[in-house]
Amino acid sequence: EYVAVSKEEVLEAFQVLSKTEGIIPALESSHAVAYALQLAPTLSK
């Protein structure tokens, strides 16, 4: 599956991972993080 995310979602993900895990991701990687932030809450534990 391939999905697209916006630059606003990417910048948000860049900051969220930095603040929650102390890991500053590349902007490229932040695209993957951005979608994980959307997908994770829709799935079971």
ModelCIF file with pLDDT and N, C-alpha, C, O atoms, coordinates in Angstrom:
data_MODEL
#
_entry.id   MODEL 
#
_entity.id                         1 
_entity.type                       polymer 
_entity.pdbx_number_of_molecules   1 
#
_entity_poly.entity_id                      1 
_entity_poly.type                           'polypeptide(L)' 
_entity_poly.nstd_linkage                   no 
_entity_poly.nstd_monomer                   no 
_entity_poly.pdbx_seq_one_letter_code       EYVAVSKEEVLEAFQVLSKTEGIIPALESSHAVAYALQLAPTLSK 
_entity_poly.pdbx_seq_one_letter_code_can   EYVAVSKEEVLEAFQVLSKTEGIIPALESSHAVAYALQLAPTLSK 
_entity_poly.pdbx_strand_id                 A 
#
loop_
_entity_poly_seq.entity_id 
_entity_poly_seq.num 
_entity_poly_seq.mon_id 
_entity_poly_seq.hetero 
1 1  GLU n 
1 2  TYR n 
1 3  VAL n 
1 4  ALA n 
1 5  VAL n 
1 6  SER n 
1 7  LYS n 
1 8  GLU n 
1 9  GLU n 
1 10 VAL n 
1 11 LEU n 
1 12 GLU n 
1 13 ALA n 
1 14 PHE n 
1 15 GLN n 
1 16 VAL n 
1 17 LEU n 
1 18 SER n 
1 19 LYS n 
1 20 THR n 
1 21 GLU n 
1 22 GLY n 
1 23 ILE n 
1 24 ILE n 
1 25 PRO n 
1 26 ALA n 
1 27 LEU n 
1 28 GLU n 
1 29 SER n 
1 30 SER n 
1 31 HIS n 
1 32 ALA n 
1 33 VAL n 
1 34 ALA n 
1 35 TYR n 
1 36 ALA n 
1 37 LEU n 
1 38 GLN n 
1 39 LEU n 
1 40 ALA n 
1 41 PRO n 
1 42 THR n 
1 43 LEU n 
1 44 SER n 
1 45 LYS n 
#
_struct_asym.id          A 
_struct_asym.entity_id   1 
#
loop_
_ma_qa_metric.id 
_ma_qa_metric.mode 
_ma_qa_metric.name 
_ma_qa_metric.software_group_id 
_ma_qa_metric.type 
1 global pLDDT . pLDDT 
2 local  pLDDT . pLDDT 
#
_ma_qa_metric_global.metric_id      1 
_ma_qa_metric_global.metric_value   97.71 
_ma_qa_metric_global.model_id       1 
_ma_qa_metric_global.ordinal_id     1 
#
loop_
_ma_qa_metric_local.label_asym_id 
_ma_qa_metric_local.label_comp_id 
_ma_qa_metric_local.label_seq_id 
_ma_qa_metric_local.metric_id 
_ma_qa_metric_local.metric_value 
_ma_qa_metric_local.model_id 
_ma_qa_metric_local.ordinal_id 
A GLU 1  2 98.00 1 1  
A TYR 2  2 98.00 1 2  
A VAL 3  2 98.00 1 3  
A ALA 4  2 97.00 1 4  
A VAL 5  2 97.00 1 5  
A SER 6  2 97.00 1 6  
A LYS 7  2 96.00 1 7  
A GLU 8  2 97.00 1 8  
A GLU 9  2 98.00 1 9  
A VAL 10 2 98.00 1 10 
A LEU 11 2 98.00 1 11 
A GLU 12 2 98.00 1 12 
A ALA 13 2 98.00 1 13 
A PHE 14 2 98.00 1 14 
A GLN 15 2 98.00 1 15 
A VAL 16 2 98.00 1 16 
A LEU 17 2 98.00 1 17 
A SER 18 2 98.00 1 18 
A LYS 19 2 98.00 1 19 
A THR 20 2 98.00 1 20 
A GLU 21 2 98.00 1 21 
A GLY 22 2 98.00 1 22 
A ILE 23 2 98.00 1 23 
A ILE 24 2 98.00 1 24 
A PRO 25 2 98.00 1 25 
A ALA 26 2 96.00 1 26 
A LEU 27 2 96.00 1 27 
A GLU 28 2 95.00 1 28 
A SER 29 2 98.00 1 29 
A SER 30 2 98.00 1 30 
A HIS 31 2 98.00 1 31 
A ALA 32 2 98.00 1 32 
A VAL 33 2 98.00 1 33 
A ALA 34 2 98.00 1 34 
A TYR 35 2 98.00 1 35 
A ALA 36 2 98.00 1 36 
A LEU 37 2 98.00 1 37 
A GLN 38 2 98.00 1 38 
A LEU 39 2 98.00 1 39 
A ALA 40 2 98.00 1 40 
A PRO 41 2 98.00 1 41 
A THR 42 2 98.00 1 42 
A LEU 43 2 98.00 1 43 
A SER 44 2 98.00 1 44 
A LYS 45 2 98.00 1 45 
#
loop_
_atom_site.group_PDB 
_atom_site.id 
_atom_site.type_symbol 
_atom_site.label_atom_id 
_atom_site.label_alt_id 
_atom_site.label_comp_id 
_atom_site.label_asym_id 
_atom_site.label_entity_id 
_atom_site.label_seq_id 
_atom_site.pdbx_PDB_ins_code 
_atom_site.Cartn_x 
_atom_site.Cartn_y 
_atom_site.Cartn_z 
_atom_site.occupancy 
_atom_site.B_iso_or_equiv 
_atom_site.pdbx_formal_charge 
_atom_site.auth_seq_id 
_atom_site.auth_comp_id 
_atom_site.auth_asym_id 
_atom_site.auth_atom_id 
_atom_site.pdbx_PDB_model_num 
ATOM 1   N N  . GLU A 1 1  ? 0.866  -1.191 0.000  1.00 98.00 ? 1  GLU A N  1 
ATOM 2   C CA . GLU A 1 1  ? 0.000  0.000  0.000  1.00 98.00 ? 1  GLU A CA 1 
ATOM 3   C C  . GLU A 1 1  ? 0.898  1.234  0.000  1.00 98.00 ? 1  GLU A C  1 
ATOM 4   O O  . GLU A 1 1  ? 1.950  1.242  0.638  1.00 98.00 ? 1  GLU A O  1 
ATOM 5   N N  . TYR A 1 2  ? 0.484  2.261  -0.707 1.00 98.00 ? 2  TYR A N  1 
ATOM 6   C CA . TYR A 1 2  ? 1.255  3.503  -0.728 1.00 98.00 ? 2  TYR A CA 1 
ATOM 7   C C  . TYR A 1 2  ? 0.314  4.666  -0.427 1.00 98.00 ? 2  TYR A C  1 
ATOM 8   O O  . TYR A 1 2  ? -0.754 4.796  -1.025 1.00 98.00 ? 2  TYR A O  1 
ATOM 9   N N  . VAL A 1 3  ? 0.731  5.490  0.496  1.00 98.00 ? 3  VAL A N  1 
ATOM 10  C CA . VAL A 1 3  ? -0.082 6.624  0.934  1.00 98.00 ? 3  VAL A CA 1 
ATOM 11  C C  . VAL A 1 3  ? 0.775  7.891  0.860  1.00 98.00 ? 3  VAL A C  1 
ATOM 12  O O  . VAL A 1 3  ? 2.003  7.822  0.819  1.00 98.00 ? 3  VAL A O  1 
ATOM 13  N N  . ALA A 1 4  ? 0.114  9.033  0.843  1.00 97.00 ? 4  ALA A N  1 
ATOM 14  C CA . ALA A 1 4  ? 0.836  10.308 0.797  1.00 97.00 ? 4  ALA A CA 1 
ATOM 15  C C  . ALA A 1 4  ? 0.477  11.147 2.017  1.00 97.00 ? 4  ALA A C  1 
ATOM 16  O O  . ALA A 1 4  ? -0.674 11.170 2.453  1.00 97.00 ? 4  ALA A O  1 
ATOM 17  N N  . VAL A 1 5  ? 1.476  11.834 2.560  1.00 97.00 ? 5  VAL A N  1 
ATOM 18  C CA . VAL A 1 5  ? 1.242  12.716 3.701  1.00 97.00 ? 5  VAL A CA 1 
ATOM 19  C C  . VAL A 1 5  ? 1.695  14.127 3.353  1.00 97.00 ? 5  VAL A C  1 
ATOM 20  O O  . VAL A 1 5  ? 2.538  14.323 2.478  1.00 97.00 ? 5  VAL A O  1 
ATOM 21  N N  . SER A 1 6  ? 1.128  15.105 4.046  1.00 97.00 ? 6  SER A N  1 
ATOM 22  C CA . SER A 1 6  ? 1.436  16.516 3.771  1.00 97.00 ? 6  SER A CA 1 
ATOM 23  C C  . SER A 1 6  ? 2.665  16.966 4.545  1.00 97.00 ? 6  SER A C  1 
ATOM 24  O O  . SER A 1 6  ? 3.073  16.320 5.511  1.00 97.00 ? 6  SER A O  1 
ATOM 25  N N  . LYS A 1 7  ? 3.252  18.076 4.116  1.00 96.00 ? 7  LYS A N  1 
ATOM 26  C CA . LYS A 1 7  ? 4.442  18.578 4.812  1.00 96.00 ? 7  LYS A CA 1 
ATOM 27  C C  . LYS A 1 7  ? 4.105  19.011 6.240  1.00 96.00 ? 7  LYS A C  1 
ATOM 28  O O  . LYS A 1 7  ? 4.959  18.951 7.125  1.00 96.00 ? 7  LYS A O  1 
ATOM 29  N N  . GLU A 1 8  ? 2.862  19.447 6.464  1.00 97.00 ? 8  GLU A N  1 
ATOM 30  C CA . GLU A 1 8  ? 2.453  19.817 7.825  1.00 97.00 ? 8  GLU A CA 1 
ATOM 31  C C  . GLU A 1 8  ? 2.443  18.597 8.739  1.00 97.00 ? 8  GLU A C  1 
ATOM 32  O O  . GLU A 1 8  ? 2.870  18.667 9.891  1.00 97.00 ? 8  GLU A O  1 
ATOM 33  N N  . GLU A 1 9  ? 1.945  17.467 8.206  1.00 98.00 ? 9  GLU A N  1 
ATOM 34  C CA . GLU A 1 9  ? 1.934  16.216 8.979  1.00 98.00 ? 9  GLU A CA 1 
ATOM 35  C C  . GLU A 1 9  ? 3.360  15.731 9.254  1.00 98.00 ? 9  GLU A C  1 
ATOM 36  O O  . GLU A 1 9  ? 3.648  15.182 10.317 1.00 98.00 ? 9  GLU A O  1 
ATOM 37  N N  . VAL A 1 10 ? 4.238  15.944 8.286  1.00 98.00 ? 10 VAL A N  1 
ATOM 38  C CA . VAL A 1 10 ? 5.638  15.526 8.432  1.00 98.00 ? 10 VAL A CA 1 
ATOM 39  C C  . VAL A 1 10 ? 6.344  16.358 9.506  1.00 98.00 ? 10 VAL A C  1 
ATOM 40  O O  . VAL A 1 10 ? 7.054  15.812 10.350 1.00 98.00 ? 10 VAL A O  1 
ATOM 41  N N  . LEU A 1 11 ? 6.149  17.668 9.473  1.00 98.00 ? 11 LEU A N  1 
ATOM 42  C CA . LEU A 1 11 ? 6.770  18.538 10.481 1.00 98.00 ? 11 LEU A CA 1 
ATOM 43  C C  . LEU A 1 11 ? 6.257  18.212 11.885 1.00 98.00 ? 11 LEU A C  1 
ATOM 44  O O  . LEU A 1 11 ? 7.009  18.262 12.858 1.00 98.00 ? 11 LEU A O  1 
ATOM 45  N N  . GLU A 1 12 ? 4.977  17.879 11.975 1.00 98.00 ? 12 GLU A N  1 
ATOM 46  C CA . GLU A 1 12 ? 4.398  17.486 13.264 1.00 98.00 ? 12 GLU A CA 1 
ATOM 47  C C  . GLU A 1 12 ? 5.045  16.194 13.759 1.00 98.00 ? 12 GLU A C  1 
ATOM 48  O O  . GLU A 1 12 ? 5.411  16.085 14.930 1.00 98.00 ? 12 GLU A O  1 
ATOM 49  N N  . ALA A 1 13 ? 5.185  15.220 12.866 1.00 98.00 ? 13 ALA A N  1 
ATOM 50  C CA . ALA A 1 13 ? 5.788  13.936 13.237 1.00 98.00 ? 13 ALA A CA 1 
ATOM 51  C C  . ALA A 1 13 ? 7.252  14.107 13.658 1.00 98.00 ? 13 ALA A C  1 
ATOM 52  O O  . ALA A 1 13 ? 7.711  13.462 14.600 1.00 98.00 ? 13 ALA A O  1 
ATOM 53  N N  . PHE A 1 14 ? 7.971  14.971 12.960 1.00 98.00 ? 14 PHE A N  1 
ATOM 54  C CA . PHE A 1 14 ? 9.375  15.279 13.282 1.00 98.00 ? 14 PHE A CA 1 
ATOM 55  C C  . PHE A 1 14 ? 9.482  15.716 14.748 1.00 98.00 ? 14 PHE A C  1 
ATOM 56  O O  . PHE A 1 14 ? 10.381 15.295 15.475 1.00 98.00 ? 14 PHE A O  1 
ATOM 57  N N  . GLN A 1 15 ? 8.537  16.575 15.160 1.00 98.00 ? 15 GLN A N  1 
ATOM 58  C CA . GLN A 1 15 ? 8.553  17.098 16.526 1.00 98.00 ? 15 GLN A CA 1 
ATOM 59  C C  . GLN A 1 15 ? 8.038  16.078 17.544 1.00 98.00 ? 15 GLN A C  1 
ATOM 60  O O  . GLN A 1 15 ? 8.562  15.978 18.653 1.00 98.00 ? 15 GLN A O  1 
ATOM 61  N N  . VAL A 1 16 ? 7.013  15.327 17.158 1.00 98.00 ? 16 VAL A N  1 
ATOM 62  C CA . VAL A 1 16 ? 6.416  14.355 18.088 1.00 98.00 ? 16 VAL A CA 1 
ATOM 63  C C  . VAL A 1 16 ? 7.421  13.276 18.465 1.00 98.00 ? 16 VAL A C  1 
ATOM 64  O O  . VAL A 1 16 ? 7.572  12.966 19.647 1.00 98.00 ? 16 VAL A O  1 
ATOM 65  N N  . LEU A 1 17 ? 8.117  12.695 17.479 1.00 98.00 ? 17 LEU A N  1 
ATOM 66  C CA . LEU A 1 17 ? 9.091  11.640 17.799 1.00 98.00 ? 17 LEU A CA 1 
ATOM 67  C C  . LEU A 1 17 ? 10.239 12.209 18.634 1.00 98.00 ? 17 LEU A C  1 
ATOM 68  O O  . LEU A 1 17 ? 10.737 11.549 19.546 1.00 98.00 ? 17 LEU A O  1 
ATOM 69  N N  . SER A 1 18 ? 10.650 13.427 18.318 1.00 98.00 ? 18 SER A N  1 
ATOM 70  C CA . SER A 1 18 ? 11.725 14.072 19.091 1.00 98.00 ? 18 SER A CA 1 
ATOM 71  C C  . SER A 1 18 ? 11.321 14.229 20.555 1.00 98.00 ? 18 SER A C  1 
ATOM 72  O O  . SER A 1 18 ? 12.110 13.955 21.459 1.00 98.00 ? 18 SER A O  1 
ATOM 73  N N  . LYS A 1 19 ? 10.089 14.671 20.777 1.00 98.00 ? 19 LYS A N  1 
ATOM 74  C CA . LYS A 1 19 ? 9.642  14.976 22.146 1.00 98.00 ? 19 LYS A CA 1 
ATOM 75  C C  . LYS A 1 19 ? 9.226  13.746 22.940 1.00 98.00 ? 19 LYS A C  1 
ATOM 76  O O  . LYS A 1 19 ? 9.335  13.739 24.166 1.00 98.00 ? 19 LYS A O  1 
ATOM 77  N N  . THR A 1 20 ? 8.747  12.699 22.258 1.00 98.00 ? 20 THR A N  1 
ATOM 78  C CA . THR A 1 20 ? 8.288  11.515 22.996 1.00 98.00 ? 20 THR A CA 1 
ATOM 79  C C  . THR A 1 20 ? 9.394  10.492 23.222 1.00 98.00 ? 20 THR A C  1 
ATOM 80  O O  . THR A 1 20 ? 9.402  9.810  24.247 1.00 98.00 ? 20 THR A O  1 
ATOM 81  N N  . GLU A 1 21 ? 10.330 10.375 22.280 1.00 98.00 ? 21 GLU A N  1 
ATOM 82  C CA . GLU A 1 21 ? 11.341 9.313  22.384 1.00 98.00 ? 21 GLU A CA 1 
ATOM 83  C C  . GLU A 1 21 ? 12.780 9.835  22.426 1.00 98.00 ? 21 GLU A C  1 
ATOM 84  O O  . GLU A 1 21 ? 13.716 9.053  22.592 1.00 98.00 ? 21 GLU A O  1 
ATOM 85  N N  . GLY A 1 22 ? 12.961 11.160 22.275 1.00 98.00 ? 22 GLY A N  1 
ATOM 86  C CA . GLY A 1 22 ? 14.326 11.680 22.255 1.00 98.00 ? 22 GLY A CA 1 
ATOM 87  C C  . GLY A 1 22 ? 15.085 11.250 21.012 1.00 98.00 ? 22 GLY A C  1 
ATOM 88  O O  . GLY A 1 22 ? 16.311 11.140 21.032 1.00 98.00 ? 22 GLY A O  1 
ATOM 89  N N  . ILE A 1 23 ? 14.350 11.006 19.926 1.00 98.00 ? 23 ILE A N  1 
ATOM 90  C CA . ILE A 1 23 ? 14.957 10.607 18.653 1.00 98.00 ? 23 ILE A CA 1 
ATOM 91  C C  . ILE A 1 23 ? 14.533 11.626 17.596 1.00 98.00 ? 23 ILE A C  1 
ATOM 92  O O  . ILE A 1 23 ? 13.349 11.753 17.287 1.00 98.00 ? 23 ILE A O  1 
ATOM 93  N N  . ILE A 1 24 ? 15.513 12.353 17.045 1.00 98.00 ? 24 ILE A N  1 
ATOM 94  C CA . ILE A 1 24 ? 15.208 13.336 16.001 1.00 98.00 ? 24 ILE A CA 1 
ATOM 95  C C  . ILE A 1 24 ? 15.372 12.639 14.652 1.00 98.00 ? 24 ILE A C  1 
ATOM 96  O O  . ILE A 1 24 ? 16.491 12.322 14.250 1.00 98.00 ? 24 ILE A O  1 
ATOM 97  N N  . PRO A 1 25 ? 14.256 12.400 13.949 1.00 98.00 ? 25 PRO A N  1 
ATOM 98  C CA . PRO A 1 25 ? 14.339 11.651 12.689 1.00 98.00 ? 25 PRO A CA 1 
ATOM 99  C C  . PRO A 1 25 ? 14.628 12.571 11.507 1.00 98.00 ? 25 PRO A C  1 
ATOM 100 O O  . PRO A 1 25 ? 14.334 13.765 11.556 1.00 98.00 ? 25 PRO A O  1 
ATOM 101 N N  . ALA A 1 26 ? 15.202 12.015 10.453 1.00 96.00 ? 26 ALA A N  1 
ATOM 102 C CA . ALA A 1 26 ? 15.331 12.762 9.200  1.00 96.00 ? 26 ALA A CA 1 
ATOM 103 C C  . ALA A 1 26 ? 13.945 13.148 8.701  1.00 96.00 ? 26 ALA A C  1 
ATOM 104 O O  . ALA A 1 26 ? 12.963 12.477 9.022  1.00 96.00 ? 26 ALA A O  1 
ATOM 105 N N  . LEU A 1 27 ? 13.854 14.212 7.925  1.00 96.00 ? 27 LEU A N  1 
ATOM 106 C CA . LEU A 1 27 ? 12.563 14.606 7.348  1.00 96.00 ? 27 LEU A CA 1 
ATOM 107 C C  . LEU A 1 27 ? 12.003 13.489 6.467  1.00 96.00 ? 27 LEU A C  1 
ATOM 108 O O  . LEU A 1 27 ? 10.790 13.295 6.396  1.00 96.00 ? 27 LEU A O  1 
ATOM 109 N N  . GLU A 1 28 ? 12.902 12.752 5.791  1.00 95.00 ? 28 GLU A N  1 
ATOM 110 C CA . GLU A 1 28 ? 12.442 11.619 4.986  1.00 95.00 ? 28 GLU A CA 1 
ATOM 111 C C  . GLU A 1 28 ? 11.727 10.613 5.890  1.00 95.00 ? 28 GLU A C  1 
ATOM 112 O O  . GLU A 1 28 ? 10.586 10.235 5.626  1.00 95.00 ? 28 GLU A O  1 
ATOM 113 N N  . SER A 1 29 ? 12.403 10.184 6.953  1.00 98.00 ? 29 SER A N  1 
ATOM 114 C CA . SER A 1 29 ? 11.843 9.196  7.886  1.00 98.00 ? 29 SER A CA 1 
ATOM 115 C C  . SER A 1 29 ? 10.572 9.714  8.560  1.00 98.00 ? 29 SER A C  1 
ATOM 116 O O  . SER A 1 29 ? 9.687  8.931  8.905  1.00 98.00 ? 29 SER A O  1 
ATOM 117 N N  . SER A 1 30 ? 10.485 11.012 8.744  1.00 98.00 ? 30 SER A N  1 
ATOM 118 C CA . SER A 1 30 ? 9.316  11.614 9.403  1.00 98.00 ? 30 SER A CA 1 
ATOM 119 C C  . SER A 1 30 ? 8.033  11.366 8.619  1.00 98.00 ? 30 SER A C  1 
ATOM 120 O O  . SER A 1 30 ? 6.941  11.420 9.184  1.00 98.00 ? 30 SER A O  1 
ATOM 121 N N  . HIS A 1 31 ? 8.159  11.090 7.307  1.00 98.00 ? 31 HIS A N  1 
ATOM 122 C CA . HIS A 1 31 ? 6.971  10.728 6.519  1.00 98.00 ? 31 HIS A CA 1 
ATOM 123 C C  . HIS A 1 31 ? 6.395  9.406  7.018  1.00 98.00 ? 31 HIS A C  1 
ATOM 124 O O  . HIS A 1 31 ? 5.180  9.262  7.155  1.00 98.00 ? 31 HIS A O  1 
ATOM 125 N N  . ALA A 1 32 ? 7.277  8.444  7.288  1.00 98.00 ? 32 ALA A N  1 
ATOM 126 C CA . ALA A 1 32 ? 6.822  7.146  7.803  1.00 98.00 ? 32 ALA A CA 1 
ATOM 127 C C  . ALA A 1 32 ? 6.230  7.302  9.201  1.00 98.00 ? 32 ALA A C  1 
ATOM 128 O O  . ALA A 1 32 ? 5.211  6.691  9.524  1.00 98.00 ? 32 ALA A O  1 
ATOM 129 N N  . VAL A 1 33 ? 6.876  8.122  10.024 1.00 98.00 ? 33 VAL A N  1 
ATOM 130 C CA . VAL A 1 33 ? 6.370  8.371  11.383 1.00 98.00 ? 33 VAL A CA 1 
ATOM 131 C C  . VAL A 1 33 ? 4.986  9.016  11.312 1.00 98.00 ? 33 VAL A C  1 
ATOM 132 O O  . VAL A 1 33 ? 4.085  8.659  12.072 1.00 98.00 ? 33 VAL A O  1 
ATOM 133 N N  . ALA A 1 34 ? 4.826  9.975  10.387 1.00 98.00 ? 34 ALA A N  1 
ATOM 134 C CA . ALA A 1 34 ? 3.541  10.682 10.256 1.00 98.00 ? 34 ALA A CA 1 
ATOM 135 C C  . ALA A 1 34 ? 2.402  9.711  9.999  1.00 98.00 ? 34 ALA A C  1 
ATOM 136 O O  . ALA A 1 34 ? 1.328  9.842  10.586 1.00 98.00 ? 34 ALA A O  1 
ATOM 137 N N  . TYR A 1 35 ? 2.632  8.729  9.118  1.00 98.00 ? 35 TYR A N  1 
ATOM 138 C CA . TYR A 1 35 ? 1.549  7.772  8.848  1.00 98.00 ? 35 TYR A CA 1 
ATOM 139 C C  . TYR A 1 35 ? 1.341  6.810  10.008 1.00 98.00 ? 35 TYR A C  1 
ATOM 140 O O  . TYR A 1 35 ? 0.213  6.396  10.274 1.00 98.00 ? 35 TYR A O  1 
ATOM 141 N N  . ALA A 1 36 ? 2.411  6.453  10.697 1.00 98.00 ? 36 ALA A N  1 
ATOM 142 C CA . ALA A 1 36 ? 2.279  5.579  11.876 1.00 98.00 ? 36 ALA A CA 1 
ATOM 143 C C  . ALA A 1 36 ? 1.422  6.248  12.944 1.00 98.00 ? 36 ALA A C  1 
ATOM 144 O O  . ALA A 1 36 ? 0.650  5.581  13.632 1.00 98.00 ? 36 ALA A O  1 
ATOM 145 N N  . LEU A 1 37 ? 1.559  7.576  13.084 1.00 98.00 ? 37 LEU A N  1 
ATOM 146 C CA . LEU A 1 37 ? 0.738  8.312  14.056 1.00 98.00 ? 37 LEU A CA 1 
ATOM 147 C C  . LEU A 1 37 ? -0.743 8.227  13.712 1.00 98.00 ? 37 LEU A C  1 
ATOM 148 O O  . LEU A 1 37 ? -1.595 8.239  14.600 1.00 98.00 ? 37 LEU A O  1 
ATOM 149 N N  . GLN A 1 38 ? -1.045 8.140  12.417 1.00 98.00 ? 38 GLN A N  1 
ATOM 150 C CA . GLN A 1 38 ? -2.448 8.021  11.983 1.00 98.00 ? 38 GLN A CA 1 
ATOM 151 C C  . GLN A 1 38 ? -2.955 6.584  12.116 1.00 98.00 ? 38 GLN A C  1 
ATOM 152 O O  . GLN A 1 38 ? -4.098 6.354  12.511 1.00 98.00 ? 38 GLN A O  1 
ATOM 153 N N  . LEU A 1 39 ? -2.088 5.617  11.781 1.00 98.00 ? 39 LEU A N  1 
ATOM 154 C CA . LEU A 1 39 ? -2.524 4.221  11.736 1.00 98.00 ? 39 LEU A CA 1 
ATOM 155 C C  . LEU A 1 39 ? -2.620 3.565  13.107 1.00 98.00 ? 39 LEU A C  1 
ATOM 156 O O  . LEU A 1 39 ? -3.586 2.856  13.386 1.00 98.00 ? 39 LEU A O  1 
ATOM 157 N N  . ALA A 1 40 ? -1.633 3.793  13.961 1.00 98.00 ? 40 ALA A N  1 
ATOM 158 C CA . ALA A 1 40 ? -1.565 3.086  15.247 1.00 98.00 ? 40 ALA A CA 1 
ATOM 159 C C  . ALA A 1 40 ? -2.865 3.171  16.065 1.00 98.00 ? 40 ALA A C  1 
ATOM 160 O O  . ALA A 1 40 ? -3.315 2.149  16.583 1.00 98.00 ? 40 ALA A O  1 
ATOM 161 N N  . PRO A 1 41 ? -3.483 4.364  16.198 1.00 98.00 ? 41 PRO A N  1 
ATOM 162 C CA . PRO A 1 41 ? -4.697 4.452  17.025 1.00 98.00 ? 41 PRO A CA 1 
ATOM 163 C C  . PRO A 1 41 ? -5.883 3.655  16.470 1.00 98.00 ? 41 PRO A C  1 
ATOM 164 O O  . PRO A 1 41 ? -6.833 3.374  17.200 1.00 98.00 ? 41 PRO A O  1 
ATOM 165 N N  . THR A 1 42 ? -5.833 3.292  15.190 1.00 98.00 ? 42 THR A N  1 
ATOM 166 C CA . THR A 1 42 ? -6.957 2.554  14.576 1.00 98.00 ? 42 THR A CA 1 
ATOM 167 C C  . THR A 1 42 ? -6.826 1.044  14.760 1.00 98.00 ? 42 THR A C  1 
ATOM 168 O O  . THR A 1 42 ? -7.734 0.291  14.409 1.00 98.00 ? 42 THR A O  1 
ATOM 169 N N  . LEU A 1 43 ? -5.688 0.601  15.315 1.00 98.00 ? 43 LEU A N  1 
ATOM 170 C CA . LEU A 1 43 ? -5.429 -0.830 15.465 1.00 98.00 ? 43 LEU A CA 1 
ATOM 171 C C  . LEU A 1 43 ? -5.510 -1.256 16.928 1.00 98.00 ? 43 LEU A C  1 
ATOM 172 O O  . LEU A 1 43 ? -5.466 -0.421 17.831 1.00 98.00 ? 43 LEU A O  1 
ATOM 173 N N  . SER A 1 44 ? -5.628 -2.549 17.150 1.00 98.00 ? 44 SER A N  1 
ATOM 174 C CA . SER A 1 44 ? -5.718 -3.068 18.524 1.00 98.00 ? 44 SER A CA 1 
ATOM 175 C C  . SER A 1 44 ? -4.348 -3.047 19.186 1.00 98.00 ? 44 SER A C  1 
ATOM 176 O O  . SER A 1 44 ? -3.327 -2.876 18.519 1.00 98.00 ? 44 SER A O  1 
ATOM 177 N N  . LYS A 1 45 ? -4.336 -3.223 20.508 1.00 98.00 ? 45 LYS A N  1 
ATOM 178 C CA . LYS A 1 45 ? -3.076 -3.236 21.256 1.00 98.00 ? 45 LYS A CA 1 
ATOM 179 C C  . LYS A 1 45 ? -2.260 -4.491 20.955 1.00 98.00 ? 45 LYS A C  1 
ATOM 180 O O  . LYS A 1 45 ? -1.170 -4.663 21.501 1.00 98.00 ? 45 LYS A O  1 
#
